[in-house]
Amino acid sequence: GSLKVKSIHISDAVTDIASLDGEFDSSNSEDTENSQDSSNDDENSYRDLKEMTVQATLGRIVAVQFNKTADLIAVASETGTLLHIFSLSNNSVEPLKEFRRGTMSCSIISLSFSKSSELFLCSSDSGTIHVWAMKKDVNPVSKWGNLLAKFSQEWSYTEYNADIPCIAGFSKDHEYNIKVFTADSEYIQLKIKPKPNKINTDDNYLSLASRTKLDLGIFQ
């Protein structure tokens, strides 16, 4: 059978100070040994502090994404209907948001946080790109029951249909720009309108800036 990965182990890399190039003063070996022991203790303590486990709630994990500061992590399962956002702080993993993409299963292709982590998006093999706000009381709230119990499921406040499987991500230079590459080699740029605290679901907050067919024959 297939491997069912339902949890992710997270740890920060620790630099081994002793492996760095430089002068080493061995004039006081006892102090040096004590210092090394202390350093090892601190390193082990640091490593223990930073190792955490994110437990998936829906089947096999298929997509994971950190935000820029690595204090948030998004997790998607094989069902593709729910996305979970966890906060990685205070030596713990805390569930923060539960986003509902839809009710029909799909394969999640990409997850992305905006530069300031104000926005979050996903794309899938259905061709749709969904965008959520990370603020409270912005996204429409689902009437469906949720698995995390603490939170209401939030629907995306805006979306764009590329009509074909695609990968999407926020621009690193602009909070409200999204770049998309489709399975048929189209490059799409989307713009999001600045949003109020309360979303009017009748408004279209996501608009097409450009859609260009790329000629990939130059790589053949």
Protein backbone atom coordinates (compact mmCIF):
# COMPACT_ATOMS: atom_id res chain seq x y z
CA GLY A 1 0.00 0.00 0.00
CA SER A 2 0.97 3.66 -0.24
CA LEU A 3 2.73 5.52 2.54
CA LYS A 4 0.29 7.61 4.57
CA VAL A 5 2.19 10.64 5.86
CA LYS A 6 -0.01 12.35 8.41
CA SER A 7 2.46 14.44 10.37
CA ILE A 8 5.43 16.71 9.72
CA HIS A 9 8.44 17.04 12.01
CA ILE A 10 9.92 20.54 12.04
CA SER A 11 13.35 21.48 13.35
CA ASP A 12 15.69 24.41 12.87
CA ALA A 13 19.20 23.74 11.60
CA VAL A 14 21.92 24.42 14.19
CA THR A 15 25.38 25.56 13.09
CA ASP A 16 28.26 23.64 14.65
CA ILE A 17 30.51 26.46 15.92
CA ALA A 18 33.50 24.10 16.28
CA SER A 19 33.46 23.40 12.55
CA LEU A 20 33.95 27.04 11.56
CA ASP A 21 37.38 28.15 10.30
CA GLY A 22 39.42 30.45 12.57
CA GLU A 23 42.05 30.65 15.29
CA PHE A 24 41.68 28.34 18.27
CA ASP A 25 43.32 29.25 21.59
CA SER A 26 44.18 26.09 23.56
CA SER A 27 46.10 27.86 26.33
CA ASN A 28 43.44 26.91 28.89
CA SER A 29 42.16 23.48 27.95
CA GLU A 30 40.02 23.11 31.09
CA ASP A 31 38.16 26.35 30.42
CA THR A 32 37.82 25.36 26.79
CA GLU A 33 36.33 21.98 27.68
CA ASN A 34 33.90 23.61 30.10
CA SER A 35 32.99 26.13 27.46
CA GLN A 36 32.42 23.39 24.90
CA ASP A 37 30.26 21.44 27.34
CA SER A 38 28.21 24.54 27.99
CA SER A 39 27.97 25.21 24.27
CA ASN A 40 26.80 21.65 23.62
CA ASP A 41 24.20 21.97 26.39
CA ASP A 42 22.95 25.22 24.88
CA GLU A 43 22.88 23.65 21.40
CA ASN A 44 20.92 20.64 22.61
CA SER A 45 18.54 22.92 24.48
CA TYR A 46 18.07 25.05 21.37
CA ARG A 47 17.46 22.01 19.23
CA ASP A 48 14.92 20.62 21.69
CA LEU A 49 13.20 24.00 21.80
CA LYS A 50 12.79 24.18 18.05
CA GLU A 51 11.60 20.66 17.24
CA MET A 52 7.85 20.46 16.74
CA THR A 53 5.34 18.20 15.07
CA VAL A 54 2.37 19.27 12.95
CA GLN A 55 -0.36 16.66 12.94
CA ALA A 56 -2.56 16.49 9.85
CA THR A 57 -6.25 15.97 10.39
CA LEU A 58 -7.30 14.78 6.95
CA GLY A 59 -5.50 11.88 5.33
CA ARG A 60 -2.14 12.04 3.61
CA ILE A 61 -0.30 15.38 3.47
CA VAL A 62 0.36 16.49 -0.12
CA ALA A 63 1.43 20.15 0.21
CA VAL A 64 3.19 22.25 2.85
CA GLN A 65 4.24 25.91 2.81
CA PHE A 66 5.93 28.24 5.32
CA ASN A 67 5.41 31.99 5.32
CA LYS A 68 8.41 34.30 4.88
CA THR A 69 9.23 34.46 8.61
CA ALA A 70 8.61 30.71 9.13
CA ASP A 71 6.23 31.30 12.03
CA LEU A 72 3.22 30.08 10.05
CA ILE A 73 2.82 26.83 8.13
CA ALA A 74 0.03 25.79 5.76
CA VAL A 75 -0.86 22.13 5.31
CA ALA A 76 -3.05 20.52 2.65
CA SER A 77 -4.22 16.93 2.56
CA GLU A 78 -5.06 14.64 -0.33
CA THR A 79 -8.77 15.53 -0.21
CA GLY A 80 -8.05 19.15 -1.18
CA THR A 81 -11.21 20.48 0.45
CA LEU A 82 -9.71 21.94 3.64
CA LEU A 83 -6.47 23.79 4.31
CA HIS A 84 -5.03 24.20 7.79
CA ILE A 85 -2.85 27.06 9.00
CA PHE A 86 -0.71 26.53 12.11
CA SER A 87 1.20 29.05 14.20
CA LEU A 88 4.76 28.03 15.09
CA SER A 89 5.66 30.06 18.17
CA ASN A 90 6.39 29.75 21.88
CA ASN A 91 7.84 26.28 21.32
CA SER A 92 4.46 24.95 20.23
CA VAL A 93 2.30 24.29 17.21
CA GLU A 94 -1.12 25.89 17.49
CA PRO A 95 -3.99 25.58 14.98
CA LEU A 96 -4.77 29.07 13.72
CA LYS A 97 -7.10 28.88 10.72
CA GLU A 98 -9.16 26.33 8.83
CA PHE A 99 -9.86 27.37 5.25
CA ARG A 100 -12.44 25.61 3.09
CA ARG A 101 -11.50 25.49 -0.59
CA GLY A 102 -14.68 23.72 -1.64
CA THR A 103 -16.74 20.56 -1.22
CA MET A 104 -15.39 18.54 -4.17
CA SER A 105 -12.06 16.75 -3.84
CA CYS A 106 -9.12 17.99 -5.90
CA SER A 107 -5.32 17.87 -5.93
CA ILE A 108 -3.67 20.91 -4.38
CA ILE A 109 -0.76 22.10 -6.55
CA SER A 110 0.54 25.17 -4.72
CA LEU A 111 0.19 27.14 -1.47
CA SER A 112 1.50 30.66 -0.93
CA PHE A 113 1.58 33.39 1.73
CA SER A 114 1.89 37.02 0.70
CA LYS A 115 4.98 39.00 1.67
CA SER A 116 3.50 40.26 4.95
CA SER A 117 1.41 37.10 5.54
CA GLU A 118 -1.71 39.23 5.21
CA LEU A 119 -3.06 36.97 2.47
CA PHE A 120 -2.91 33.27 1.61
CA LEU A 121 -3.75 31.37 -1.57
CA CYS A 122 -3.93 27.90 -3.04
CA SER A 123 -4.19 26.54 -6.57
CA SER A 124 -5.32 23.11 -7.67
CA ASP A 125 -5.83 20.81 -10.63
CA SER A 126 -9.36 22.22 -10.93
CA GLY A 127 -7.80 25.40 -12.31
CA THR A 128 -9.09 27.68 -9.56
CA ILE A 129 -6.99 30.01 -7.41
CA HIS A 130 -8.53 30.80 -4.03
CA VAL A 131 -7.44 33.71 -1.83
CA TRP A 132 -8.08 34.17 1.89
CA ALA A 133 -7.35 37.03 4.27
CA MET A 134 -5.48 36.14 7.45
CA LYS A 135 -7.33 38.83 9.44
CA LYS A 136 -10.40 38.01 11.50
CA ASP A 137 -13.91 38.79 10.24
CA VAL A 138 -12.90 39.17 6.60
CA ASN A 139 -13.52 35.80 4.94
CA PRO A 140 -17.06 34.41 4.61
CA VAL A 141 -17.69 31.86 7.36
CA SER A 142 -18.80 28.35 6.51
CA LYS A 143 -21.89 26.76 8.01
CA TRP A 144 -20.21 23.37 7.79
CA GLY A 145 -18.91 21.66 10.91
CA ASN A 146 -15.14 21.74 11.31
CA LEU A 147 -12.60 19.23 12.55
CA LEU A 148 -10.47 21.55 14.67
CA ALA A 149 -13.51 22.49 16.80
CA LYS A 150 -11.99 25.83 17.89
CA PHE A 151 -12.58 27.61 14.60
CA SER A 152 -15.24 28.24 11.99
CA GLN A 153 -14.30 27.16 8.50
CA GLU A 154 -13.61 30.18 6.31
CA TRP A 155 -14.30 30.32 2.59
CA SER A 156 -12.01 32.27 0.26
CA TYR A 157 -13.09 35.88 -0.18
CA THR A 158 -12.10 35.93 -3.84
CA GLU A 159 -11.01 33.48 -6.55
CA TYR A 160 -9.91 33.23 -10.17
CA ASN A 161 -10.54 30.36 -12.58
CA ALA A 162 -7.67 29.70 -14.98
CA ASP A 163 -9.67 26.80 -16.49
CA ILE A 164 -6.61 24.54 -16.35
CA PRO A 165 -4.29 23.16 -13.61
CA CYS A 166 -1.84 25.84 -12.50
CA ILE A 167 0.76 26.86 -9.97
CA ALA A 168 0.36 30.25 -8.27
CA GLY A 169 2.24 32.47 -5.86
CA PHE A 170 2.26 36.00 -4.51
CA SER A 171 4.77 38.44 -5.97
CA LYS A 172 7.71 39.08 -3.66
CA ASP A 173 7.56 42.78 -4.53
CA HIS A 174 3.86 43.58 -4.19
CA GLU A 175 1.36 42.35 -1.63
CA TYR A 176 -1.57 42.42 -4.04
CA ASN A 177 -0.01 40.82 -7.15
CA ILE A 178 -0.28 37.11 -7.97
CA LYS A 179 1.72 35.26 -10.61
CA VAL A 180 0.39 32.10 -12.23
CA PHE A 181 1.82 29.50 -14.60
CA THR A 182 -0.59 27.06 -16.22
CA ALA A 183 -0.25 23.53 -17.53
CA ASP A 184 -0.52 24.80 -21.12
CA SER A 185 2.36 27.29 -20.66
CA GLU A 186 0.38 30.45 -20.03
CA TYR A 187 1.77 33.14 -17.73
CA ILE A 188 -0.98 34.99 -15.87
CA GLN A 189 -0.72 38.07 -13.66
CA LEU A 190 -3.56 38.89 -11.28
CA LYS A 191 -4.24 41.95 -9.13
CA ILE A 192 -6.18 42.04 -5.87
CA LYS A 193 -8.03 45.13 -4.71
CA PRO A 194 -7.22 46.37 -1.19
CA LYS A 195 -9.96 44.98 1.00
CA PRO A 196 -12.08 46.35 3.85
CA ASN A 197 -12.33 44.58 7.20
CA LYS A 198 -15.67 43.16 6.14
CA ILE A 199 -15.85 41.56 2.72
CA ASN A 200 -18.79 42.29 0.45
CA THR A 201 -19.13 38.98 -1.37
CA ASP A 202 -20.83 40.73 -4.31
CA ASP A 203 -17.59 42.56 -5.19
CA ASN A 204 -14.89 41.07 -7.41
CA TYR A 205 -11.61 41.62 -5.57
CA LEU A 206 -9.43 39.70 -8.03
CA SER A 207 -8.88 40.93 -11.58
CA LEU A 208 -6.84 39.78 -14.58
CA ALA A 209 -3.86 42.03 -15.36
CA SER A 210 -2.39 39.97 -18.22
CA ARG A 211 -2.46 36.49 -19.72
CA THR A 212 0.33 35.50 -22.12
CA LYS A 213 1.12 32.29 -23.95
CA LEU A 214 4.80 31.42 -23.50
CA ASP A 215 6.82 29.85 -26.30
CA LEU A 216 8.80 27.08 -24.63
CA GLY A 217 10.15 25.80 -27.93
CA ILE A 218 13.36 27.76 -27.36
CA PHE A 219 14.31 25.18 -24.69
CA GLN A 220 13.95 22.21 -27.05
